[in-house]
């Protein structure tokens, strides 16, 4: 076993390896965007089934998605607990085990996630193009090289919320040869003058993209809006026009939780008032993310 593998195994043991999925914290020194924090989840069977290979889910806003982020991150909303949810769902046979790779955001979050390309005549890439290159040409090849992945698009997906949601959609739309699945939770469909909806989807009349798409939203957010519901509905309608319903799932979280319901969730009491008026936060994404996981990574079919 190599030194790097020994170090990896030691770190994973500290994270509860063999009982729950292991979590590894590392950095990627990128030529495109500089050093970026990377969080890697390996499933419970990773070390006990050394011949097995796994699907991979890439995630934005990586500092908020796993339980290692703690319960008070994201302005008190807590983390997504995505590792715990994946453990529970796979253990219950509701989804396949997978590897998850989460990339930290930066101060350039809007520019990297908004999906905009370089302006006409510009000589350098946009921040979004650089971020896309980080994922596609730097991070994914490294993950496929160092871990037992199923590297094809059928087994690779990308997921995010809010700005990370629209970023995920644009990435999968433009690179279906890389990302065969995509999930957008409370996606910010209105950014850049709703360019993805009005400038891309509505003008598209070609062959359907070979991607599976999960979309969701609440009905209220902190701005007094609808958590992107109306625009998400229009995006879903265009995707259905292009490719039909088979590879599309759209869910609307129809109402915020009541105080009685919130009391059962463990959410900090000082966040209850806001939780009744906004579904655009990590708390609600934590509650809804199971839908995306089971849609994109259903249980593997048993062989005869």
C-alpha atoms as a PDB file:
ATOM      1  CA  UNK A   1       0.000   0.000   0.000  1.00  0.00           C
ATOM      2  CA  UNK A   2       1.407   3.412  -0.974  1.00  0.00           C
ATOM      3  CA  UNK A   3       2.140   6.163   1.549  1.00  0.00           C
ATOM      4  CA  UNK A   4      -0.740   8.282   0.212  1.00  0.00           C
ATOM      5  CA  UNK A   5      -3.126   5.328   0.531  1.00  0.00           C
ATOM      6  CA  UNK A   6      -1.899   4.705   4.100  1.00  0.00           C
ATOM      7  CA  UNK A   7      -2.575   8.332   5.000  1.00  0.00           C
ATOM      8  CA  UNK A   8      -5.997   8.167   3.344  1.00  0.00           C
ATOM      9  CA  UNK A   9      -6.900   5.015   5.249  1.00  0.00           C
ATOM     10  CA  UNK A  10      -5.820   6.594   8.551  1.00  0.00           C
ATOM     11  CA  UNK A  11      -7.931   9.686   7.967  1.00  0.00           C
ATOM     12  CA  UNK A  12     -10.957   7.604   7.012  1.00  0.00           C
ATOM     13  CA  UNK A  13     -10.607   5.465  10.124  1.00  0.00           C
ATOM     14  CA  UNK A  14     -10.827   8.628  12.188  1.00  0.00           C
ATOM     15  CA  UNK A  15     -14.089   9.455  10.391  1.00  0.00           C
ATOM     16  CA  UNK A  16     -15.845   6.219  11.321  1.00  0.00           C
ATOM     17  CA  UNK A  17     -14.637   4.131   8.403  1.00  0.00           C
ATOM     18  CA  UNK A  18     -16.408   0.789   8.005  1.00  0.00           C
ATOM     19  CA  UNK A  19     -19.458   1.881   9.993  1.00  0.00           C
ATOM     20  CA  UNK A  20     -20.557   4.909   8.026  1.00  0.00           C
ATOM     21  CA  UNK A  21     -19.172   6.409   4.845  1.00  0.00           C
ATOM     22  CA  UNK A  22     -15.721   7.905   5.380  1.00  0.00           C
ATOM     23  CA  UNK A  23     -15.007  11.633   4.941  1.00  0.00           C
ATOM     24  CA  UNK A  24     -11.704  12.992   3.686  1.00  0.00           C
ATOM     25  CA  UNK A  25     -10.704  16.656   3.648  1.00  0.00           C
ATOM     26  CA  UNK A  26      -8.074  17.720   1.136  1.00  0.00           C
ATOM     27  CA  UNK A  27      -7.058  20.534  -1.230  1.00  0.00           C
ATOM     28  CA  UNK A  28      -6.738  20.742  -4.981  1.00  0.00           C
ATOM     29  CA  UNK A  29      -4.173  23.157  -6.378  1.00  0.00           C
ATOM     30  CA  UNK A  30      -5.882  24.237  -9.572  1.00  0.00           C
ATOM     31  CA  UNK A  31      -4.276  25.996 -12.512  1.00  0.00           C
ATOM     32  CA  UNK A  32      -7.706  27.448 -13.275  1.00  0.00           C
ATOM     33  CA  UNK A  33      -8.933  28.856  -9.950  1.00  0.00           C
ATOM     34  CA  UNK A  34      -6.114  28.448  -7.425  1.00  0.00           C
ATOM     35  CA  UNK A  35      -6.254  26.234  -4.339  1.00  0.00           C
ATOM     36  CA  UNK A  36      -9.702  24.934  -3.504  1.00  0.00           C
ATOM     37  CA  UNK A  37     -10.888  22.806  -0.578  1.00  0.00           C
ATOM     38  CA  UNK A  38     -12.233  19.378  -1.552  1.00  0.00           C
ATOM     39  CA  UNK A  39     -14.369  17.067   0.612  1.00  0.00           C
ATOM     40  CA  UNK A  40     -14.646  13.407  -0.374  1.00  0.00           C
ATOM     41  CA  UNK A  41     -17.188  10.881   0.883  1.00  0.00           C
ATOM     42  CA  UNK A  42     -16.463   7.195   0.392  1.00  0.00           C
ATOM     43  CA  UNK A  43     -19.280   4.699   1.031  1.00  0.00           C
ATOM     44  CA  UNK A  44     -19.220   2.099   3.813  1.00  0.00           C
ATOM     45  CA  UNK A  45     -18.311  -0.751   1.461  1.00  0.00           C
ATOM     46  CA  UNK A  46     -15.402   1.032  -0.207  1.00  0.00           C
ATOM     47  CA  UNK A  47     -12.650  -0.680   1.774  1.00  0.00           C
ATOM     48  CA  UNK A  48     -14.413  -3.999   2.350  1.00  0.00           C
ATOM     49  CA  UNK A  49     -15.219  -4.621  -1.345  1.00  0.00           C
ATOM     50  CA  UNK A  50     -11.927  -3.780  -3.095  1.00  0.00           C
ATOM     51  CA  UNK A  51     -13.110  -4.891  -6.552  1.00  0.00           C
ATOM     52  CA  UNK A  52     -16.226  -2.730  -6.565  1.00  0.00           C
ATOM     53  CA  UNK A  53     -16.500   0.531  -8.503  1.00  0.00           C
ATOM     54  CA  UNK A  54     -18.860   3.404  -7.753  1.00  0.00           C
ATOM     55  CA  UNK A  55     -20.878   6.182  -9.335  1.00  0.00           C
ATOM     56  CA  UNK A  56     -19.741   9.708  -8.439  1.00  0.00           C
ATOM     57  CA  UNK A  57     -21.697  12.819  -7.464  1.00  0.00           C
ATOM     58  CA  UNK A  58     -19.951  16.205  -7.673  1.00  0.00           C
ATOM     59  CA  UNK A  59     -21.234  19.013  -5.446  1.00  0.00           C
ATOM     60  CA  UNK A  60     -20.822  22.782  -5.145  1.00  0.00           C
ATOM     61  CA  UNK A  61     -20.657  24.789  -1.883  1.00  0.00           C
ATOM     62  CA  UNK A  62     -18.705  21.863  -0.522  1.00  0.00           C
ATOM     63  CA  UNK A  63     -18.093  23.349   2.917  1.00  0.00           C
ATOM     64  CA  UNK A  64     -21.805  22.973   3.756  1.00  0.00           C
ATOM     65  CA  UNK A  65     -22.863  19.563   2.451  1.00  0.00           C
ATOM     66  CA  UNK A  66     -21.396  16.955   4.833  1.00  0.00           C
ATOM     67  CA  UNK A  67     -21.943  16.419   8.548  1.00  0.00           C
ATOM     68  CA  UNK A  68     -18.309  17.325   9.247  1.00  0.00           C
ATOM     69  CA  UNK A  69     -19.329  20.967   8.664  1.00  0.00           C
ATOM     70  CA  UNK A  70     -21.211  20.956  11.974  1.00  0.00           C
ATOM     71  CA  UNK A  71     -24.729  21.971  12.934  1.00  0.00           C
ATOM     72  CA  UNK A  72     -24.196  25.734  13.069  1.00  0.00           C
ATOM     73  CA  UNK A  73     -22.720  26.406   9.640  1.00  0.00           C
ATOM     74  CA  UNK A  74     -24.543  28.305   6.871  1.00  0.00           C
ATOM     75  CA  UNK A  75     -25.781  31.095   9.177  1.00  0.00           C
ATOM     76  CA  UNK A  76     -27.187  28.578  11.650  1.00  0.00           C
ATOM     77  CA  UNK A  77     -29.129  26.445   9.148  1.00  0.00           C
ATOM     78  CA  UNK A  78     -26.634  23.616   9.516  1.00  0.00           C
ATOM     79  CA  UNK A  79     -25.140  21.333   6.891  1.00  0.00           C
ATOM     80  CA  UNK A  80     -26.953  19.074   4.404  1.00  0.00           C
ATOM     81  CA  UNK A  81     -25.913  15.883   6.281  1.00  0.00           C
ATOM     82  CA  UNK A  82     -25.549  14.383   2.829  1.00  0.00           C
ATOM     83  CA  UNK A  83     -23.216  11.646   4.036  1.00  0.00           C
ATOM     84  CA  UNK A  84     -25.719  10.501   6.659  1.00  0.00           C
ATOM     85  CA  UNK A  85     -28.607  10.609   4.212  1.00  0.00           C
ATOM     86  CA  UNK A  86     -26.672   8.580   1.618  1.00  0.00           C
ATOM     87  CA  UNK A  87     -25.716   6.036   4.291  1.00  0.00           C
ATOM     88  CA  UNK A  88     -29.334   5.631   5.405  1.00  0.00           C
ATOM     89  CA  UNK A  89     -30.778   5.407   1.898  1.00  0.00           C
ATOM     90  CA  UNK A  90     -28.219   2.896   0.638  1.00  0.00           C
ATOM     91  CA  UNK A  91     -28.553   0.803   3.782  1.00  0.00           C
ATOM     92  CA  UNK A  92     -32.340   0.726   3.240  1.00  0.00           C
ATOM     93  CA  UNK A  93     -31.878  -0.318  -0.389  1.00  0.00           C
ATOM     94  CA  UNK A  94     -33.373   2.915  -1.760  1.00  0.00           C
ATOM     95  CA  UNK A  95     -30.269   4.025  -3.654  1.00  0.00           C
ATOM     96  CA  UNK A  96     -26.915   2.610  -4.703  1.00  0.00           C
ATOM     97  CA  UNK A  97     -23.739   3.402  -2.799  1.00  0.00           C
ATOM     98  CA  UNK A  98     -21.657   6.133  -4.376  1.00  0.00           C
ATOM     99  CA  UNK A  99     -18.660   8.408  -3.990  1.00  0.00           C
ATOM    100  CA  UNK A 100     -19.377  12.115  -3.410  1.00  0.00           C
ATOM    101  CA  UNK A 101     -16.909  14.917  -4.118  1.00  0.00           C
ATOM    102  CA  UNK A 102     -17.716  18.417  -2.853  1.00  0.00           C
ATOM    103  CA  UNK A 103     -15.845  21.561  -3.914  1.00  0.00           C
ATOM    104  CA  UNK A 104     -15.690  24.623  -1.660  1.00  0.00           C
ATOM    105  CA  UNK A 105     -17.006  27.881  -3.064  1.00  0.00           C
ATOM    106  CA  UNK A 106     -14.983  31.091  -3.170  1.00  0.00           C
ATOM    107  CA  UNK A 107     -15.479  34.845  -3.018  1.00  0.00           C
ATOM    108  CA  UNK A 108     -16.173  34.611  -6.752  1.00  0.00           C
ATOM    109  CA  UNK A 109     -19.155  32.316  -6.127  1.00  0.00           C
ATOM    110  CA  UNK A 110     -21.614  34.253  -8.266  1.00  0.00           C
ATOM    111  CA  UNK A 111     -19.243  34.605 -11.205  1.00  0.00           C
ATOM    112  CA  UNK A 112     -18.201  30.937 -11.040  1.00  0.00           C
ATOM    113  CA  UNK A 113     -21.729  29.578 -10.677  1.00  0.00           C
ATOM    114  CA  UNK A 114     -23.808  31.880 -12.901  1.00  0.00           C
ATOM    115  CA  UNK A 115     -23.188  29.994 -16.126  1.00  0.00           C
ATOM    116  CA  UNK A 116     -22.087  33.039 -18.122  1.00  0.00           C
ATOM    117  CA  UNK A 117     -19.432  32.736 -20.798  1.00  0.00           C
ATOM    118  CA  UNK A 118     -16.783  35.166 -21.915  1.00  0.00           C
ATOM    119  CA  UNK A 119     -17.981  38.397 -23.442  1.00  0.00           C
ATOM    120  CA  UNK A 120     -17.643  38.892 -27.182  1.00  0.00           C
ATOM    121  CA  UNK A 121     -14.059  39.777 -28.008  1.00  0.00           C
ATOM    122  CA  UNK A 122     -12.707  38.819 -24.576  1.00  0.00           C
ATOM    123  CA  UNK A 123      -9.356  37.051 -24.620  1.00  0.00           C
ATOM    124  CA  UNK A 124      -9.693  35.150 -21.360  1.00  0.00           C
ATOM    125  CA  UNK A 125     -12.183  32.630 -20.008  1.00  0.00           C
ATOM    126  CA  UNK A 126     -15.046  33.715 -17.789  1.00  0.00           C
ATOM    127  CA  UNK A 127     -14.968  32.646 -14.138  1.00  0.00           C
ATOM    128  CA  UNK A 128     -17.648  30.047 -14.934  1.00  0.00           C
ATOM    129  CA  UNK A 129     -15.548  28.567 -17.732  1.00  0.00           C
ATOM    130  CA  UNK A 130     -12.547  28.357 -15.415  1.00  0.00           C
ATOM    131  CA  UNK A 131     -14.642  26.660 -12.743  1.00  0.00           C
ATOM    132  CA  UNK A 132     -16.043  24.215 -15.292  1.00  0.00           C
ATOM    133  CA  UNK A 133     -12.488  23.450 -16.398  1.00  0.00           C
ATOM    134  CA  UNK A 134     -11.502  22.815 -12.779  1.00  0.00           C
ATOM    135  CA  UNK A 135     -14.223  20.175 -12.472  1.00  0.00           C
ATOM    136  CA  UNK A 136     -13.811  18.563 -15.877  1.00  0.00           C
ATOM    137  CA  UNK A 137     -10.091  18.724 -16.642  1.00  0.00           C
ATOM    138  CA  UNK A 138      -8.523  18.751 -13.172  1.00  0.00           C
ATOM    139  CA  UNK A 139     -10.749  17.327 -10.449  1.00  0.00           C
ATOM    140  CA  UNK A 140     -12.631  14.542 -12.229  1.00  0.00           C
ATOM    141  CA  UNK A 141      -9.523  13.015 -13.827  1.00  0.00           C
ATOM    142  CA  UNK A 142      -7.826  13.007 -10.430  1.00  0.00           C
ATOM    143  CA  UNK A 143     -10.811  11.373  -8.725  1.00  0.00           C
ATOM    144  CA  UNK A 144     -11.082   8.754 -11.488  1.00  0.00           C
ATOM    145  CA  UNK A 145      -7.361   8.069 -11.196  1.00  0.00           C
ATOM    146  CA  UNK A 146      -7.147   7.796  -7.410  1.00  0.00           C
ATOM    147  CA  UNK A 147     -10.480   6.133  -6.558  1.00  0.00           C
ATOM    148  CA  UNK A 148     -12.464   3.195  -7.894  1.00  0.00           C
ATOM    149  CA  UNK A 149     -15.011   5.110  -9.914  1.00  0.00           C
ATOM    150  CA  UNK A 150     -17.319   4.307 -12.802  1.00  0.00           C
ATOM    151  CA  UNK A 151     -16.064   7.243 -14.885  1.00  0.00           C
ATOM    152  CA  UNK A 152     -18.618   7.318 -17.711  1.00  0.00           C
ATOM    153  CA  UNK A 153     -21.380   9.949 -17.848  1.00  0.00           C
ATOM    154  CA  UNK A 154     -24.091   7.433 -16.986  1.00  0.00           C
ATOM    155  CA  UNK A 155     -22.541   7.086 -13.543  1.00  0.00           C
ATOM    156  CA  UNK A 156     -21.522  10.726 -13.012  1.00  0.00           C
ATOM    157  CA  UNK A 157     -23.779  13.535 -11.768  1.00  0.00           C
ATOM    158  CA  UNK A 158     -23.505  17.082 -10.465  1.00  0.00           C
ATOM    159  CA  UNK A 159     -25.696  18.767  -7.847  1.00  0.00           C
ATOM    160  CA  UNK A 160     -26.107  22.133  -6.185  1.00  0.00           C
ATOM    161  CA  UNK A 161     -28.573  24.524  -4.615  1.00  0.00           C
ATOM    162  CA  UNK A 162     -29.466  28.137  -5.368  1.00  0.00           C
ATOM    163  CA  UNK A 163     -26.617  29.451  -7.572  1.00  0.00           C
ATOM    164  CA  UNK A 164     -25.130  25.968  -7.436  1.00  0.00           C
ATOM    165  CA  UNK A 165     -28.373  24.687  -8.935  1.00  0.00           C
ATOM    166  CA  UNK A 166     -28.183  26.776 -12.100  1.00  0.00           C
ATOM    167  CA  UNK A 167     -24.450  26.044 -12.308  1.00  0.00           C
ATOM    168  CA  UNK A 168     -25.183  22.310 -12.239  1.00  0.00           C
ATOM    169  CA  UNK A 169     -27.826  22.589 -14.957  1.00  0.00           C
ATOM    170  CA  UNK A 170     -25.553  24.534 -17.291  1.00  0.00           C
ATOM    171  CA  UNK A 171     -22.661  22.133 -16.682  1.00  0.00           C
ATOM    172  CA  UNK A 172     -24.750  19.057 -17.502  1.00  0.00           C
ATOM    173  CA  UNK A 173     -26.433  20.745 -20.465  1.00  0.00           C
ATOM    174  CA  UNK A 174     -23.125  21.767 -22.006  1.00  0.00           C
ATOM    175  CA  UNK A 175     -21.195  18.629 -21.036  1.00  0.00           C
ATOM    176  CA  UNK A 176     -23.562  15.635 -21.181  1.00  0.00           C
ATOM    177  CA  UNK A 177     -20.563  13.515 -22.132  1.00  0.00           C
ATOM    178  CA  UNK A 178     -19.251  14.172 -18.597  1.00  0.00           C
ATOM    179  CA  UNK A 179     -22.355  14.607 -16.408  1.00  0.00           C
ATOM    180  CA  UNK A 180     -25.228  12.265 -17.186  1.00  0.00           C
ATOM    181  CA  UNK A 181     -27.244  13.396 -14.174  1.00  0.00           C
ATOM    182  CA  UNK A 182     -27.960  16.738 -12.551  1.00  0.00           C
ATOM    183  CA  UNK A 183     -29.887  18.013  -9.541  1.00  0.00           C
ATOM    184  CA  UNK A 184     -30.890  21.613  -8.844  1.00  0.00           C
ATOM    185  CA  UNK A 185     -32.446  22.397  -5.460  1.00  0.00           C
ATOM    186  CA  UNK A 186     -34.063  25.857  -5.279  1.00  0.00           C
ATOM    187  CA  UNK A 187     -32.066  26.745  -8.374  1.00  0.00           C
ATOM    188  CA  UNK A 188     -31.500  30.426  -9.128  1.00  0.00           C
ATOM    189  CA  UNK A 189     -33.115  30.308 -12.558  1.00  0.00           C
ATOM    190  CA  UNK A 190     -33.442  34.092 -12.772  1.00  0.00           C
ATOM    191  CA  UNK A 191     -29.741  34.960 -12.865  1.00  0.00           C
ATOM    192  CA  UNK A 192     -28.220  36.626 -15.913  1.00  0.00           C
ATOM    193  CA  UNK A 193     -31.652  37.748 -17.146  1.00  0.00           C
ATOM    194  CA  UNK A 194     -32.946  34.143 -17.038  1.00  0.00           C
ATOM    195  CA  UNK A 195     -30.457  33.374 -19.788  1.00  0.00           C
ATOM    196  CA  UNK A 196     -30.528  29.591 -19.398  1.00  0.00           C
ATOM    197  CA  UNK A 197     -34.321  29.502 -19.724  1.00  0.00           C
ATOM    198  CA  UNK A 198     -34.895  32.176 -22.339  1.00  0.00           C
ATOM    199  CA  UNK A 199     -31.607  32.180 -24.211  1.00  0.00           C
ATOM    200  CA  UNK A 200     -30.811  28.466 -24.186  1.00  0.00           C
ATOM    201  CA  UNK A 201     -33.763  26.171 -23.527  1.00  0.00           C
ATOM    202  CA  UNK A 202     -36.485  28.086 -25.379  1.00  0.00           C
ATOM    203  CA  UNK A 203     -34.296  28.362 -28.467  1.00  0.00           C
ATOM    204  CA  UNK A 204     -33.290  24.703 -28.480  1.00  0.00           C
ATOM    205  CA  UNK A 205     -34.889  22.412 -31.065  1.00  0.00           C
ATOM    206  CA  UNK A 206     -32.277  19.712 -31.401  1.00  0.00           C
ATOM    207  CA  UNK A 207     -32.030  16.176 -30.131  1.00  0.00           C
ATOM    208  CA  UNK A 208     -32.692  15.650 -26.426  1.00  0.00           C
ATOM    209  CA  UNK A 209     -29.642  15.702 -24.193  1.00  0.00           C
ATOM    210  CA  UNK A 210     -28.779  12.323 -22.643  1.00  0.00           C
ATOM    211  CA  UNK A 211     -29.118  13.584 -19.063  1.00  0.00           C
ATOM    212  CA  UNK A 212     -31.399  12.878 -16.113  1.00  0.00           C
ATOM    213  CA  UNK A 213     -32.603  16.048 -14.387  1.00  0.00           C
ATOM    214  CA  UNK A 214     -33.987  16.573 -10.892  1.00  0.00           C
ATOM    215  CA  UNK A 215     -35.490  19.993 -10.085  1.00  0.00           C
ATOM    216  CA  UNK A 216     -37.177  21.267  -6.955  1.00  0.00           C
ATOM    217  CA  UNK A 217     -38.170  24.416  -5.117  1.00  0.00           C
ATOM    218  CA  UNK A 218     -40.172  25.626  -2.190  1.00  0.00           C
ATOM    219  CA  UNK A 219     -42.900  28.248  -2.498  1.00  0.00           C
ATOM    220  CA  UNK A 220     -41.483  31.099  -0.393  1.00  0.00           C
ATOM    221  CA  UNK A 221     -38.051  32.597   0.247  1.00  0.00           C
ATOM    222  CA  UNK A 222     -36.344  35.277   2.323  1.00  0.00           C
ATOM    223  CA  UNK A 223     -36.822  37.924  -0.373  1.00  0.00           C
ATOM    224  CA  UNK A 224     -40.599  37.501  -0.363  1.00  0.00           C
ATOM    225  CA  UNK A 225     -40.418  35.521  -3.593  1.00  0.00           C
ATOM    226  CA  UNK A 226     -41.476  31.964  -4.407  1.00  0.00           C
ATOM    227  CA  UNK A 227     -38.080  30.237  -4.027  1.00  0.00           C
ATOM    228  CA  UNK A 228     -37.849  30.117  -7.818  1.00  0.00           C
ATOM    229  CA  UNK A 229     -40.957  27.993  -8.214  1.00  0.00           C
ATOM    230  CA  UNK A 230     -42.438  29.776 -11.237  1.00  0.00           C
ATOM    231  CA  UNK A 231     -39.163  29.890 -13.173  1.00  0.00           C
ATOM    232  CA  UNK A 232     -38.320  26.311 -12.226  1.00  0.00           C
ATOM    233  CA  UNK A 233     -41.720  25.254 -13.548  1.00  0.00           C
ATOM    234  CA  UNK A 234     -40.900  26.928 -16.871  1.00  0.00           C
ATOM    235  CA  UNK A 235     -37.494  25.236 -16.994  1.00  0.00           C
ATOM    236  CA  UNK A 236     -39.164  21.891 -16.297  1.00  0.00           C
ATOM    237  CA  UNK A 237     -41.703  22.528 -19.067  1.00  0.00           C
ATOM    238  CA  UNK A 238     -38.943  23.261 -21.587  1.00  0.00           C
ATOM    239  CA  UNK A 239     -36.964  20.197 -20.557  1.00  0.00           C
ATOM    240  CA  UNK A 240     -40.107  18.104 -20.913  1.00  0.00           C
ATOM    241  CA  UNK A 241     -40.709  19.577 -24.373  1.00  0.00           C
ATOM    242  CA  UNK A 242     -37.171  18.707 -25.389  1.00  0.00           C
ATOM    243  CA  UNK A 243     -36.817  15.273 -23.856  1.00  0.00           C
ATOM    244  CA  UNK A 244     -40.095  14.126 -22.341  1.00  0.00           C
ATOM    245  CA  UNK A 245     -40.875  13.140 -18.769  1.00  0.00           C
ATOM    246  CA  UNK A 246     -38.850   9.938 -18.523  1.00  0.00           C
ATOM    247  CA  UNK A 247     -35.587  11.576 -17.468  1.00  0.00           C
ATOM    248  CA  UNK A 248     -37.089  14.466 -15.516  1.00  0.00           C
ATOM    249  CA  UNK A 249     -38.334  14.779 -11.947  1.00  0.00           C
ATOM    250  CA  UNK A 250     -39.735  18.019 -10.569  1.00  0.00           C
ATOM    251  CA  UNK A 251     -40.851  18.447  -6.962  1.00  0.00           C
ATOM    252  CA  UNK A 252     -42.462  21.410  -5.217  1.00  0.00           C
ATOM    253  CA  UNK A 253     -42.204  21.628  -1.424  1.00  0.00           C
ATOM    254  CA  UNK A 254     -45.671  23.085  -1.052  1.00  0.00           C
ATOM    255  CA  UNK A 255     -45.447  24.678   2.405  1.00  0.00           C
ATOM    256  CA  UNK A 256     -42.921  25.620   5.081  1.00  0.00           C
ATOM    257  CA  UNK A 257     -42.932  23.554   8.251  1.00  0.00           C
ATOM    258  CA  UNK A 258     -45.104  24.557  11.189  1.00  0.00           C
ATOM    259  CA  UNK A 259     -43.626  25.141  14.682  1.00  0.00           C
ATOM    260  CA  UNK A 260     -44.823  21.695  15.753  1.00  0.00           C
ATOM    261  CA  UNK A 261     -43.070  20.137  12.754  1.00  0.00           C
ATOM    262  CA  UNK A 262     -39.937  22.202  13.274  1.00  0.00           C
ATOM    263  CA  UNK A 263     -39.661  21.036  16.862  1.00  0.00           C
ATOM    264  CA  UNK A 264     -39.166  17.471  15.625  1.00  0.00           C
ATOM    265  CA  UNK A 265     -36.341  18.398  13.258  1.00  0.00           C
ATOM    266  CA  UNK A 266     -33.746  19.607  15.736  1.00  0.00           C
ATOM    267  CA  UNK A 267     -33.366  22.965  14.010  1.00  0.00           C
ATOM    268  CA  UNK A 268     -32.143  25.709  16.333  1.00  0.00           C
ATOM    269  CA  UNK A 269     -35.149  27.445  17.886  1.00  0.00           C
ATOM    270  CA  UNK A 270     -33.861  30.897  16.960  1.00  0.00           C
ATOM    271  CA  UNK A 271     -34.231  29.907  13.281  1.00  0.00           C
ATOM    272  CA  UNK A 272     -37.875  28.832  13.517  1.00  0.00           C
ATOM    273  CA  UNK A 273     -39.448  32.151  12.543  1.00  0.00           C
ATOM    274  CA  UNK A 274     -37.302  32.402   9.436  1.00  0.00           C
ATOM    275  CA  UNK A 275     -37.901  28.742   8.583  1.00  0.00           C
ATOM    276  CA  UNK A 276     -41.627  29.502   8.380  1.00  0.00           C
ATOM    277  CA  UNK A 277     -41.064  32.271   5.822  1.00  0.00           C
ATOM    278  CA  UNK A 278     -38.223  30.908   3.683  1.00  0.00           C
ATOM    279  CA  UNK A 279     -37.431  27.517   2.170  1.00  0.00           C
ATOM    280  CA  UNK A 280     -34.268  28.772   0.492  1.00  0.00           C
ATOM    281  CA  UNK A 281     -31.680  27.442   2.914  1.00  0.00           C
ATOM    282  CA  UNK A 282     -29.613  24.405   3.891  1.00  0.00           C
ATOM    283  CA  UNK A 283     -32.250  23.238   6.360  1.00  0.00           C
ATOM    284  CA  UNK A 284     -34.868  22.620   3.671  1.00  0.00           C
ATOM    285  CA  UNK A 285     -32.289  21.296   1.218  1.00  0.00           C
ATOM    286  CA  UNK A 286     -31.243  18.796   3.882  1.00  0.00           C
ATOM    287  CA  UNK A 287     -34.846  17.606   4.119  1.00  0.00           C
ATOM    288  CA  UNK A 288     -35.379  17.360   0.340  1.00  0.00           C
ATOM    289  CA  UNK A 289     -32.070  16.040  -0.954  1.00  0.00           C
ATOM    290  CA  UNK A 290     -33.091  12.389  -0.572  1.00  0.00           C
ATOM    291  CA  UNK A 291     -35.398  12.851  -3.544  1.00  0.00           C
ATOM    292  CA  UNK A 292     -32.515  13.859  -5.777  1.00  0.00           C
ATOM    293  CA  UNK A 293     -30.312  11.002  -4.574  1.00  0.00           C
ATOM    294  CA  UNK A 294     -32.894   8.282  -5.145  1.00  0.00           C
ATOM    295  CA  UNK A 295     -33.789   9.683  -8.579  1.00  0.00           C
ATOM    296  CA  UNK A 296     -30.227  10.008  -9.853  1.00  0.00           C
ATOM    297  CA  UNK A 297     -28.816   6.891  -8.173  1.00  0.00           C
ATOM    298  CA  UNK A 298     -31.578   4.273  -7.877  1.00  0.00           C
ATOM    299  CA  UNK A 299     -30.678   0.862  -6.474  1.00  0.00           C
ATOM    300  CA  UNK A 300     -28.650  -1.336  -8.752  1.00  0.00           C
ATOM    301  CA  UNK A 301     -30.646  -4.098 -10.413  1.00  0.00           C
ATOM    302  CA  UNK A 302     -29.916  -7.523  -9.052  1.00  0.00           C
ATOM    303  CA  UNK A 303     -28.225  -9.867 -11.518  1.00  0.00           C
ATOM    304  CA  UNK A 304     -29.946 -13.141 -12.323  1.00  0.00           C
END
